[in-house]
PDB file of all heavy atoms in Angstrom:
ATOM      1  N   THR A   1      91.597 127.348  58.919  1.00  0.00           N
ATOM      2  CA  THR A   1      92.805 126.774  58.327  1.00  0.00           C
ATOM      3  C   THR A   1      94.018 127.044  59.221  1.00  0.00           C
ATOM      4  O   THR A   1      94.276 128.179  59.602  1.00  0.00           O
ATOM      5  CB  THR A   1      93.059 127.376  56.929  1.00  0.00           C
ATOM      6  OG1 THR A   1      91.914 127.160  56.102  1.00  0.00           O
ATOM      7  CG2 THR A   1      94.280 126.728  56.286  1.00  0.00           C
ATOM      8  N   ASN A   2      94.735 125.995  59.558  1.00  0.00           N
ATOM      9  CA  ASN A   2      95.920 126.042  60.431  1.00  0.00           C
ATOM     10  C   ASN A   2      95.581 126.325  61.893  1.00  0.00           C
ATOM     11  O   ASN A   2      96.481 126.487  62.716  1.00  0.00           O
ATOM     12  CB  ASN A   2      96.942 127.089  59.952  1.00  0.00           C
ATOM     13  CG  ASN A   2      97.581 126.699  58.636  1.00  0.00           C
ATOM     14  OD1 ASN A   2      97.573 125.535  58.247  1.00  0.00           O
ATOM     15  ND2 ASN A   2      98.132 127.672  57.939  1.00  0.00           N
ATOM     16  N   ASN A   3      94.289 126.386  62.210  1.00  0.00           N
ATOM     17  CA  ASN A   3      93.868 126.636  63.600  1.00  0.00           C
ATOM     18  C   ASN A   3      92.753 125.687  64.032  1.00  0.00           C
ATOM     19  O   ASN A   3      91.991 125.988  64.949  1.00  0.00           O
ATOM     20  CB  ASN A   3      93.378 128.085  63.748  1.00  0.00           C
ATOM     21  CG  ASN A   3      94.514 129.097  63.667  1.00  0.00           C
ATOM     22  OD1 ASN A   3      95.451 129.071  64.457  1.00  0.00           O
ATOM     23  ND2 ASN A   3      94.427 129.984  62.688  1.00  0.00           N
ATOM     24  N   GLU A   4      92.678 124.542  63.398  1.00  0.00           N
ATOM     25  CA  GLU A   4      91.566 123.623  63.642  1.00  0.00           C
ATOM     26  C   GLU A   4      91.460 123.202  65.107  1.00  0.00           C
ATOM     27  O   GLU A   4      90.372 123.208  65.694  1.00  0.00           O
ATOM     28  CB  GLU A   4      91.687 122.378  62.754  1.00  0.00           C
ATOM     29  CG  GLU A   4      91.495 122.623  61.272  1.00  0.00           C
ATOM     30  CD  GLU A   4      92.757 123.050  60.555  1.00  0.00           C
ATOM     31  OE1 GLU A   4      93.778 123.268  61.240  1.00  0.00           O
ATOM     32  OE2 GLU A   4      92.741 123.160  59.309  1.00  0.00           O
ATOM     33  N   GLU A   5      92.574 122.840  65.712  1.00  0.00           N
ATOM     34  CA  GLU A   5      92.536 122.367  67.099  1.00  0.00           C
ATOM     35  C   GLU A   5      92.124 123.488  68.055  1.00  0.00           C
ATOM     36  O   GLU A   5      91.312 123.279  68.963  1.00  0.00           O
ATOM     37  CB  GLU A   5      93.901 121.809  67.514  1.00  0.00           C
ATOM     38  CG  GLU A   5      93.896 121.232  68.918  1.00  0.00           C
ATOM     39  CD  GLU A   5      95.231 120.613  69.311  1.00  0.00           C
ATOM     40  OE1 GLU A   5      96.174 120.621  68.488  1.00  0.00           O
ATOM     41  OE2 GLU A   5      95.344 120.110  70.447  1.00  0.00           O
ATOM     42  N   SER A   6      92.676 124.682  67.850  1.00  0.00           N
ATOM     43  CA  SER A   6      92.339 125.811  68.718  1.00  0.00           C
ATOM     44  C   SER A   6      90.854 126.149  68.617  1.00  0.00           C
ATOM     45  O   SER A   6      90.187 126.399  69.631  1.00  0.00           O
ATOM     46  CB  SER A   6      93.174 127.039  68.344  1.00  0.00           C
ATOM     47  OG  SER A   6      94.544 126.816  68.618  1.00  0.00           O
ATOM     48  N   VAL A   7      90.326 126.157  67.400  1.00  0.00           N
ATOM     49  CA  VAL A   7      88.909 126.471  67.205  1.00  0.00           C
ATOM     50  C   VAL A   7      88.038 125.411  67.872  1.00  0.00           C
ATOM     51  O   VAL A   7      87.035 125.734  68.528  1.00  0.00           O
ATOM     52  CB  VAL A   7      88.582 126.586  65.705  1.00  0.00           C
ATOM     53  CG1 VAL A   7      87.071 126.677  65.486  1.00  0.00           C
ATOM     54  CG2 VAL A   7      89.272 127.804  65.111  1.00  0.00           C
ATOM     55  N   SER A   8      88.414 124.157  67.738  1.00  0.00           N
ATOM     56  CA  SER A   8      87.657 123.078  68.369  1.00  0.00           C
ATOM     57  C   SER A   8      87.613 123.239  69.886  1.00  0.00           C
ATOM     58  O   SER A   8      86.557 123.069  70.518  1.00  0.00           O
ATOM     59  CB  SER A   8      88.269 121.724  67.999  1.00  0.00           C
ATOM     60  OG  SER A   8      87.583 120.662  68.636  1.00  0.00           O
ATOM     61  N   LEU A   9      88.735 123.584  70.490  1.00  0.00           N
ATOM     62  CA  LEU A   9      88.789 123.777  71.940  1.00  0.00           C
ATOM     63  C   LEU A   9      87.952 124.976  72.374  1.00  0.00           C
ATOM     64  O   LEU A   9      87.256 124.933  73.397  1.00  0.00           O
ATOM     65  CB  LEU A   9      90.240 123.951  72.389  1.00  0.00           C
ATOM     66  CG  LEU A   9      91.111 122.689  72.344  1.00  0.00           C
ATOM     67  CD1 LEU A   9      92.579 123.057  72.570  1.00  0.00           C
ATOM     68  CD2 LEU A   9      90.651 121.681  73.382  1.00  0.00           C
ATOM     69  N   LEU A  10      88.003 126.064  71.598  1.00  0.00           N
ATOM     70  CA  LEU A  10      87.230 127.257  71.938  1.00  0.00           C
ATOM     71  C   LEU A  10      85.724 127.000  71.806  1.00  0.00           C
ATOM     72  O   LEU A  10      84.925 127.565  72.557  1.00  0.00           O
ATOM     73  CB  LEU A  10      87.647 128.430  71.059  1.00  0.00           C
ATOM     74  CG  LEU A  10      89.037 129.005  71.373  1.00  0.00           C
ATOM     75  CD1 LEU A  10      89.450 130.017  70.318  1.00  0.00           C
ATOM     76  CD2 LEU A  10      89.065 129.646  72.761  1.00  0.00           C
ATOM     77  N   GLN A  11      85.342 126.143  70.877  1.00  0.00           N
ATOM     78  CA  GLN A  11      83.932 125.781  70.745  1.00  0.00           C
ATOM     79  C   GLN A  11      83.465 125.013  71.985  1.00  0.00           C
ATOM     80  O   GLN A  11      82.332 125.200  72.450  1.00  0.00           O
ATOM     81  CB  GLN A  11      83.714 124.953  69.482  1.00  0.00           C
ATOM     82  CG  GLN A  11      83.820 125.779  68.203  1.00  0.00           C
ATOM     83  CD  GLN A  11      83.753 124.932  66.954  1.00  0.00           C
ATOM     84  OE1 GLN A  11      84.266 123.809  66.913  1.00  0.00           O
ATOM     85  NE2 GLN A  11      83.122 125.456  65.910  1.00  0.00           N
ATOM     86  N   LYS A  12      84.340 124.179  72.537  1.00  0.00           N
ATOM     87  CA  LYS A  12      84.009 123.477  73.780  1.00  0.00           C
ATOM     88  C   LYS A  12      83.900 124.461  74.935  1.00  0.00           C
ATOM     89  O   LYS A  12      83.024 124.342  75.787  1.00  0.00           O
ATOM     90  CB  LYS A  12      85.073 122.413  74.083  1.00  0.00           C
ATOM     91  CG  LYS A  12      85.079 121.245  73.113  1.00  0.00           C
ATOM     92  CD  LYS A  12      86.159 120.234  73.481  1.00  0.00           C
ATOM     93  CE  LYS A  12      86.172 119.066  72.509  1.00  0.00           C
ATOM     94  NZ  LYS A  12      87.252 118.087  72.856  1.00  0.00           N
ATOM     95  N   LEU A  13      84.792 125.443  74.948  1.00  0.00           N
ATOM     96  CA  LEU A  13      84.747 126.472  75.983  1.00  0.00           C
ATOM     97  C   LEU A  13      83.408 127.210  75.948  1.00  0.00           C
ATOM     98  O   LEU A  13      82.807 127.485  76.991  1.00  0.00           O
ATOM     99  CB  LEU A  13      85.894 127.463  75.775  1.00  0.00           C
ATOM    100  CG  LEU A  13      85.834 128.792  76.552  1.00  0.00           C
ATOM    101  CD1 LEU A  13      85.852 128.526  78.051  1.00  0.00           C
ATOM    102  CD2 LEU A  13      86.988 129.685  76.160  1.00  0.00           C
ATOM    103  N   ALA A  14      82.934 127.515  74.752  1.00  0.00           N
ATOM    104  CA  ALA A  14      81.675 128.243  74.600  1.00  0.00           C
ATOM    105  C   ALA A  14      80.476 127.457  75.101  1.00  0.00           C
ATOM    106  O   ALA A  14      79.402 128.020  75.332  1.00  0.00           O
ATOM    107  CB  ALA A  14      81.469 128.630  73.135  1.00  0.00           C
ATOM    108  N   LYS A  15      80.664 126.157  75.273  1.00  0.00           N
ATOM    109  CA  LYS A  15      79.587 125.323  75.810  1.00  0.00           C
ATOM    110  C   LYS A  15      79.642 125.236  77.330  1.00  0.00           C
ATOM    111  O   LYS A  15      78.813 124.573  77.952  1.00  0.00           O
ATOM    112  CB  LYS A  15      79.670 123.920  75.206  1.00  0.00           C
ATOM    113  CG  LYS A  15      79.423 123.875  73.709  1.00  0.00           C
ATOM    114  CD  LYS A  15      79.569 122.461  73.162  1.00  0.00           C
ATOM    115  CE  LYS A  15      79.331 122.422  71.652  1.00  0.00           C
ATOM    116  NZ  LYS A  15      79.493 121.059  71.084  1.00  0.00           N
ATOM    117  N   GLY A  16      80.672 125.895  77.919  1.00  0.00           N
ATOM    118  CA  GLY A  16      80.763 125.919  79.373  1.00  0.00           C
ATOM    119  C   GLY A  16      81.785 124.962  79.956  1.00  0.00           C
ATOM    120  O   GLY A  16      81.679 124.577  81.122  1.00  0.00           O
ATOM    121  N   ASP A  17      82.782 124.569  79.159  1.00  0.00           N
ATOM    122  CA  ASP A  17      83.839 123.679  79.639  1.00  0.00           C
ATOM    123  C   ASP A  17      84.635 124.373  80.743  1.00  0.00           C
ATOM    124  O   ASP A  17      85.328 125.355  80.500  1.00  0.00           O
ATOM    125  CB  ASP A  17      84.771 123.313  78.480  1.00  0.00           C
ATOM    126  CG  ASP A  17      85.833 122.294  78.875  1.00  0.00           C
ATOM    127  OD1 ASP A  17      85.999 122.030  80.081  1.00  0.00           O
ATOM    128  OD2 ASP A  17      86.510 121.772  77.974  1.00  0.00           O
ATOM    129  N   LYS A  18      84.538 123.847  81.964  1.00  0.00           N
ATOM    130  CA  LYS A  18      85.194 124.478  83.107  1.00  0.00           C
ATOM    131  C   LYS A  18      86.391 123.670  83.625  1.00  0.00           C
ATOM    132  O   LYS A  18      86.817 123.835  84.763  1.00  0.00           O
ATOM    133  CB  LYS A  18      84.180 124.696  84.238  1.00  0.00           C
ATOM    134  CG  LYS A  18      83.077 125.677  83.883  1.00  0.00           C
ATOM    135  CD  LYS A  18      82.154 125.936  85.057  1.00  0.00           C
ATOM    136  CE  LYS A  18      81.075 126.949  84.697  1.00  0.00           C
ATOM    137  NZ  LYS A  18      80.175 127.225  85.847  1.00  0.00           N
ATOM    138  N   ASN A  19      86.928 122.816  82.772  1.00  0.00           N
ATOM    139  CA  ASN A  19      88.092 122.033  83.195  1.00  0.00           C
ATOM    140  C   ASN A  19      89.295 122.936  83.448  1.00  0.00           C
ATOM    141  O   ASN A  19      90.157 122.612  84.271  1.00  0.00           O
ATOM    142  CB  ASN A  19      88.442 120.991  82.134  1.00  0.00           C
ATOM    143  CG  ASN A  19      87.420 119.864  82.091  1.00  0.00           C
ATOM    144  OD1 ASN A  19      86.869 119.481  83.116  1.00  0.00           O
ATOM    145  ND2 ASN A  19      87.146 119.354  80.901  1.00  0.00           N
ATOM    146  N   TYR A  20      89.347 124.062  82.735  1.00  0.00           N
ATOM    147  CA  TYR A  20      90.423 125.023  82.929  1.00  0.00           C
ATOM    148  C   TYR A  20      89.809 126.409  83.105  1.00  0.00           C
ATOM    149  O   TYR A  20      89.038 126.856  82.249  1.00  0.00           O
ATOM    150  CB  TYR A  20      91.386 125.020  81.741  1.00  0.00           C
ATOM    151  CG  TYR A  20      92.141 123.727  81.578  1.00  0.00           C
ATOM    152  CD1 TYR A  20      91.636 122.721  80.749  1.00  0.00           C
ATOM    153  CD2 TYR A  20      93.330 123.497  82.260  1.00  0.00           C
ATOM    154  CE1 TYR A  20      92.310 121.516  80.600  1.00  0.00           C
ATOM    155  CE2 TYR A  20      94.009 122.298  82.122  1.00  0.00           C
ATOM    156  CZ  TYR A  20      93.500 121.316  81.291  1.00  0.00           C
ATOM    157  OH  TYR A  20      94.169 120.123  81.150  1.00  0.00           O
ATOM    158  N   PRO A  21      90.137 127.119  84.180  1.00  0.00           N
ATOM    159  CA  PRO A  21      89.527 128.428  84.422  1.00  0.00           C
ATOM    160  C   PRO A  21      90.136 129.554  83.591  1.00  0.00           C
ATOM    161  O   PRO A  21      89.512 130.598  83.406  1.00  0.00           O
ATOM    162  CB  PRO A  21      89.784 128.665  85.914  1.00  0.00           C
ATOM    163  CG  PRO A  21      91.048 127.903  86.191  1.00  0.00           C
ATOM    164  CD  PRO A  21      90.986 126.695  85.304  1.00  0.00           C
ATOM    165  N   ILE A  22      91.363 129.365  83.090  1.00  0.00           N
ATOM    166  CA  ILE A  22      92.056 130.422  82.353  1.00  0.00           C
ATOM    167  C   ILE A  22      92.389 129.935  80.948  1.00  0.00           C
ATOM    168  O   ILE A  22      92.996 128.871  80.776  1.00  0.00           O
ATOM    169  CB  ILE A  22      93.352 130.849  83.070  1.00  0.00           C
ATOM    170  CG1 ILE A  22      93.058 131.246  84.518  1.00  0.00           C
ATOM    171  CG2 ILE A  22      94.016 132.001  82.329  1.00  0.00           C
ATOM    172  CD1 ILE A  22      94.304 131.452  85.341  1.00  0.00           C
ATOM    173  N   TRP A  23      91.998 130.726  79.966  1.00  0.00           N
ATOM    174  CA  TRP A  23      92.305 130.431  78.567  1.00  0.00           C
ATOM    175  C   TRP A  23      93.039 131.640  77.985  1.00  0.00           C
ATOM    176  O   TRP A  23      92.614 132.770  78.167  1.00  0.00           O
ATOM    177  CB  TRP A  23      91.023 130.177  77.780  1.00  0.00           C
ATOM    178  CG  TRP A  23      90.300 128.928  78.191  1.00  0.00           C
ATOM    179  CD1 TRP A  23      89.711 128.679  79.398  1.00  0.00           C
ATOM    180  CD2 TRP A  23      90.081 127.769  77.392  1.00  0.00           C
ATOM    181  NE1 TRP A  23      89.140 127.438  79.404  1.00  0.00           N
ATOM    182  CE2 TRP A  23      89.350 126.857  78.178  1.00  0.00           C
ATOM    183  CE3 TRP A  23      90.422 127.421  76.078  1.00  0.00           C
ATOM    184  CZ2 TRP A  23      88.961 125.612  77.695  1.00  0.00           C
ATOM    185  CZ3 TRP A  23      90.033 126.182  75.594  1.00  0.00           C
ATOM    186  CH2 TRP A  23      89.306 125.295  76.400  1.00  0.00           C
ATOM    187  N   TYR A  24      94.117 131.357  77.282  1.00  0.00           N
ATOM    188  CA  TYR A  24      94.973 132.432  76.771  1.00  0.00           C
ATOM    189  C   TYR A  24      95.221 132.207  75.284  1.00  0.00           C
ATOM    190  O   TYR A  24      95.833 131.213  74.882  1.00  0.00           O
ATOM    191  CB  TYR A  24      96.289 132.446  77.549  1.00  0.00           C
ATOM    192  CG  TYR A  24      97.190 133.625  77.254  1.00  0.00           C
ATOM    193  CD1 TYR A  24      97.118 134.792  78.019  1.00  0.00           C
ATOM    194  CD2 TYR A  24      98.118 133.570  76.220  1.00  0.00           C
ATOM    195  CE1 TYR A  24      97.946 135.872  77.755  1.00  0.00           C
ATOM    196  CE2 TYR A  24      98.950 134.653  75.948  1.00  0.00           C
ATOM    197  CZ  TYR A  24      98.860 135.794  76.723  1.00  0.00           C
ATOM    198  OH  TYR A  24      99.678 136.870  76.464  1.00  0.00           O
ATOM    199  N   CYS A  25      94.723 133.132  74.439  1.00  0.00           N
ATOM    200  CA  CYS A  25      94.926 133.069  72.991  1.00  0.00           C
ATOM    201  C   CYS A  25      95.924 134.133  72.575  1.00  0.00           C
ATOM    202  O   CYS A  25      95.758 135.300  72.932  1.00  0.00           O
ATOM    203  CB  CYS A  25      93.605 133.315  72.251  1.00  0.00           C
ATOM    204  SG  CYS A  25      92.356 132.069  72.497  1.00  0.00           S
ATOM    205  N   TRP A  26      96.919 133.742  71.828  1.00  0.00           N
ATOM    206  CA  TRP A  26      97.891 134.736  71.393  1.00  0.00           C
ATOM    207  C   TRP A  26      98.289 134.488  69.940  1.00  0.00           C
ATOM    208  O   TRP A  26      98.209 133.383  69.419  1.00  0.00           O
ATOM    209  CB  TRP A  26      99.132 134.720  72.290  1.00  0.00           C
ATOM    210  CG  TRP A  26      99.927 133.442  72.258  1.00  0.00           C
ATOM    211  CD1 TRP A  26      99.626 132.260  72.893  1.00  0.00           C
ATOM    212  CD2 TRP A  26     101.131 133.209  71.538  1.00  0.00           C
ATOM    213  NE1 TRP A  26     100.576 131.313  72.615  1.00  0.00           N
ATOM    214  CE2 TRP A  26     101.525 131.864  71.797  1.00  0.00           C
ATOM    215  CE3 TRP A  26     101.938 134.000  70.727  1.00  0.00           C
ATOM    216  CZ2 TRP A  26     102.672 131.297  71.251  1.00  0.00           C
ATOM    217  CZ3 TRP A  26     103.090 133.443  70.163  1.00  0.00           C
ATOM    218  CH2 TRP A  26     103.445 132.103  70.442  1.00  0.00           C
ATOM    219  N   GLY A  27      98.706 135.577  69.288  1.00  0.00           N
ATOM    220  CA  GLY A  27      99.122 135.479  67.905  1.00  0.00           C
ATOM    221  C   GLY A  27      99.370 136.869  67.341  1.00  0.00           C
ATOM    222  O   GLY A  27      99.070 137.880  67.976  1.00  0.00           O
ATOM    223  N   LYS A  28      99.899 136.911  66.151  1.00  0.00           N
ATOM    224  CA  LYS A  28     100.234 138.178  65.507  1.00  0.00           C
ATOM    225  C   LYS A  28      98.967 138.970  65.188  1.00  0.00           C
ATOM    226  O   LYS A  28      97.863 138.423  65.167  1.00  0.00           O
ATOM    227  CB  LYS A  28     101.024 137.912  64.220  1.00  0.00           C
ATOM    228  CG  LYS A  28     102.396 137.289  64.460  1.00  0.00           C
ATOM    229  CD  LYS A  28     103.113 137.060  63.142  1.00  0.00           C
ATOM    230  CE  LYS A  28     104.495 136.440  63.367  1.00  0.00           C
ATOM    231  NZ  LYS A  28     105.203 136.192  62.092  1.00  0.00           N
ATOM    232  N   PRO A  29      99.117 140.288  64.968  1.00  0.00           N
ATOM    233  CA  PRO A  29      97.956 141.093  64.562  1.00  0.00           C
ATOM    234  C   PRO A  29      97.272 140.492  63.342  1.00  0.00           C
ATOM    235  O   PRO A  29      97.930 139.958  62.446  1.00  0.00           O
ATOM    236  CB  PRO A  29      98.573 142.454  64.240  1.00  0.00           C
ATOM    237  CG  PRO A  29      99.812 142.523  65.076  1.00  0.00           C
ATOM    238  CD  PRO A  29     100.343 141.115  65.109  1.00  0.00           C
ATOM    239  N   SER A  30      95.941 140.555  63.330  1.00  0.00           N
ATOM    240  CA  SER A  30      95.121 140.055  62.222  1.00  0.00           C
ATOM    241  C   SER A  30      95.118 138.543  62.097  1.00  0.00           C
ATOM    242  O   SER A  30      94.755 138.001  61.050  1.00  0.00           O
ATOM    243  CB  SER A  30      95.558 140.674  60.879  1.00  0.00           C
ATOM    244  OG  SER A  30      95.367 142.065  60.908  1.00  0.00           O
ATOM    245  N   SER A  31      95.499 137.850  63.156  1.00  0.00           N
ATOM    246  CA  SER A  31      95.428 136.389  63.121  1.00  0.00           C
ATOM    247  C   SER A  31      94.016 135.892  63.406  1.00  0.00           C
ATOM    248  O   SER A  31      93.721 134.716  63.194  1.00  0.00           O
ATOM    249  CB  SER A  31      96.410 135.781  64.133  1.00  0.00           C
ATOM    250  OG  SER A  31      96.155 136.265  65.434  1.00  0.00           O
ATOM    251  N   GLY A  32      93.149 136.781  63.878  1.00  0.00           N
ATOM    252  CA  GLY A  32      91.759 136.387  64.114  1.00  0.00           C
ATOM    253  C   GLY A  32      91.396 136.216  65.574  1.00  0.00           C
ATOM    254  O   GLY A  32      90.358 135.630  65.898  1.00  0.00           O
ATOM    255  N   LYS A  33      92.215 136.745  66.471  1.00  0.00           N
ATOM    256  CA  LYS A  33      91.952 136.568  67.916  1.00  0.00           C
ATOM    257  C   LYS A  33      90.635 137.219  68.335  1.00  0.00           C
ATOM    258  O   LYS A  33      89.833 136.607  69.053  1.00  0.00           O
ATOM    259  CB  LYS A  33      93.113 137.148  68.732  1.00  0.00           C
ATOM    260  CG  LYS A  33      94.466 136.521  68.439  1.00  0.00           C
ATOM    261  CD  LYS A  33      95.562 137.105  69.307  1.00  0.00           C
ATOM    262  CE  LYS A  33      95.809 138.582  69.052  1.00  0.00           C
ATOM    263  NZ  LYS A  33      96.275 138.867  67.689  1.00  0.00           N
ATOM    264  N   THR A  34      90.419 138.454  67.885  1.00  0.00           N
ATOM    265  CA  THR A  34      89.179 139.145  68.240  1.00  0.00           C
ATOM    266  C   THR A  34      87.972 138.422  67.649  1.00  0.00           C
ATOM    267  O   THR A  34      86.941 138.263  68.317  1.00  0.00           O
ATOM    268  CB  THR A  34      89.208 140.601  67.749  1.00  0.00           C
ATOM    269  OG1 THR A  34      90.205 141.325  68.491  1.00  0.00           O
ATOM    270  CG2 THR A  34      87.859 141.281  67.941  1.00  0.00           C
ATOM    271  N   HIS A  35      88.102 137.977  66.420  1.00  0.00           N
ATOM    272  CA  HIS A  35      87.023 137.216  65.790  1.00  0.00           C
ATOM    273  C   HIS A  35      86.678 135.996  66.641  1.00  0.00           C
ATOM    274  O   HIS A  35      85.492 135.741  66.940  1.00  0.00           O
ATOM    275  CB  HIS A  35      87.460 136.783  64.386  1.00  0.00           C
ATOM    276  CG  HIS A  35      86.374 136.141  63.580  1.00  0.00           C
ATOM    277  ND1 HIS A  35      86.198 136.396  62.243  1.00  0.00           N
ATOM    278  CD2 HIS A  35      85.402 135.246  63.914  1.00  0.00           C
ATOM    279  CE1 HIS A  35      85.174 135.698  61.779  1.00  0.00           C
ATOM    280  NE2 HIS A  35      84.677 134.981  62.783  1.00  0.00           N
ATOM    281  N   LEU A  36      87.684 135.255  67.065  1.00  0.00           N
ATOM    282  CA  LEU A  36      87.443 134.029  67.834  1.00  0.00           C
ATOM    283  C   LEU A  36      86.864 134.321  69.211  1.00  0.00           C
ATOM    284  O   LEU A  36      85.953 133.623  69.677  1.00  0.00           O
ATOM    285  CB  LEU A  36      88.739 133.232  67.962  1.00  0.00           C
ATOM    286  CG  LEU A  36      89.147 132.455  66.712  1.00  0.00           C
ATOM    287  CD1 LEU A  36      90.534 131.838  66.888  1.00  0.00           C
ATOM    288  CD2 LEU A  36      88.131 131.365  66.395  1.00  0.00           C
ATOM    289  N   ILE A  37      87.391 135.341  69.881  1.00  0.00           N
ATOM    290  CA  ILE A  37      86.873 135.666  71.215  1.00  0.00           C
ATOM    291  C   ILE A  37      85.401 136.079  71.119  1.00  0.00           C
ATOM    292  O   ILE A  37      84.568 135.667  71.941  1.00  0.00           O
ATOM    293  CB  ILE A  37      87.712 136.777  71.870  1.00  0.00           C
ATOM    294  CG1 ILE A  37      88.989 136.187  72.457  1.00  0.00           C
ATOM    295  CG2 ILE A  37      86.931 137.493  72.955  1.00  0.00           C
ATOM    296  CD1 ILE A  37      89.754 137.126  73.345  1.00  0.00           C
ATOM    297  N   GLN A  38      85.069 136.884  70.102  1.00  0.00           N
ATOM    298  CA  GLN A  38      83.679 137.295  69.962  1.00  0.00           C
ATOM    299  C   GLN A  38      82.801 136.135  69.512  1.00  0.00           C
ATOM    300  O   GLN A  38      81.613 136.069  69.868  1.00  0.00           O
ATOM    301  CB  GLN A  38      83.583 138.476  69.001  1.00  0.00           C
ATOM    302  CG  GLN A  38      84.267 139.716  69.547  1.00  0.00           C
ATOM    303  CD  GLN A  38      83.842 140.997  68.847  1.00  0.00           C
ATOM    304  OE1 GLN A  38      82.875 141.029  68.088  1.00  0.00           O
ATOM    305  NE2 GLN A  38      84.566 142.061  69.110  1.00  0.00           N
ATOM    306  N   ALA A  39      83.379 135.196  68.770  1.00  0.00           N
ATOM    307  CA  ALA A  39      82.630 133.994  68.403  1.00  0.00           C
ATOM    308  C   ALA A  39      82.314 133.164  69.638  1.00  0.00           C
ATOM    309  O   ALA A  39      81.220 132.593  69.760  1.00  0.00           O
ATOM    310  CB  ALA A  39      83.432 133.157  67.400  1.00  0.00           C
ATOM    311  N   VAL A  40      83.266 133.090  70.565  1.00  0.00           N
ATOM    312  CA  VAL A  40      83.030 132.381  71.830  1.00  0.00           C
ATOM    313  C   VAL A  40      81.877 133.044  72.582  1.00  0.00           C
ATOM    314  O   VAL A  40      80.981 132.373  73.109  1.00  0.00           O
ATOM    315  CB  VAL A  40      84.305 132.358  72.700  1.00  0.00           C
ATOM    316  CG1 VAL A  40      83.987 131.863  74.114  1.00  0.00           C
ATOM    317  CG2 VAL A  40      85.363 131.454  72.071  1.00  0.00           C
ATOM    318  N   CYS A  41      81.883 134.374  72.654  1.00  0.00           N
ATOM    319  CA  CYS A  41      80.814 135.107  73.342  1.00  0.00           C
ATOM    320  C   CYS A  41      79.464 134.844  72.685  1.00  0.00           C
ATOM    321  O   CYS A  41      78.460 134.600  73.376  1.00  0.00           O
ATOM    322  CB  CYS A  41      81.111 136.608  73.335  1.00  0.00           C
ATOM    323  SG  CYS A  41      82.506 137.108  74.348  1.00  0.00           S
ATOM    324  N   GLU A  42      79.444 134.898  71.360  1.00  0.00           N
ATOM    325  CA  GLU A  42      78.198 134.684  70.630  1.00  0.00           C
ATOM    326  C   GLU A  42      77.646 133.283  70.889  1.00  0.00           C
ATOM    327  O   GLU A  42      76.447 133.097  71.143  1.00  0.00           O
ATOM    328  CB  GLU A  42      78.449 134.899  69.129  1.00  0.00           C
ATOM    329  CG  GLU A  42      77.212 134.873  68.255  1.00  0.00           C
ATOM    330  CD  GLU A  42      76.911 133.500  67.685  1.00  0.00           C
ATOM    331  OE1 GLU A  42      77.811 132.641  67.679  1.00  0.00           O
ATOM    332  OE2 GLU A  42      75.757 133.286  67.260  1.00  0.00           O
ATOM    333  N   GLN A  43      78.534 132.290  70.886  1.00  0.00           N
ATOM    334  CA  GLN A  43      78.095 130.912  71.109  1.00  0.00           C
ATOM    335  C   GLN A  43      77.714 130.689  72.566  1.00  0.00           C
ATOM    336  O   GLN A  43      76.747 129.979  72.864  1.00  0.00           O
ATOM    337  CB  GLN A  43      79.208 129.941  70.704  1.00  0.00           C
ATOM    338  CG  GLN A  43      78.781 128.484  70.690  1.00  0.00           C
ATOM    339  CD  GLN A  43      77.685 128.219  69.686  1.00  0.00           C
ATOM    340  OE1 GLN A  43      77.816 128.566  68.513  1.00  0.00           O
ATOM    341  NE2 GLN A  43      76.590 127.624  70.118  1.00  0.00           N
TER     342      GLN A  43
END
């Protein structure tokens, strides 16, 4: 919720999208950054 576009892009990254070599996620504490980064690793 409220992060649909970011999640969609990160899912593409997890498939090996190399159009951009650097990805930077930022947000307040408890926004879910660690969850998303580990989800990328898992995928």
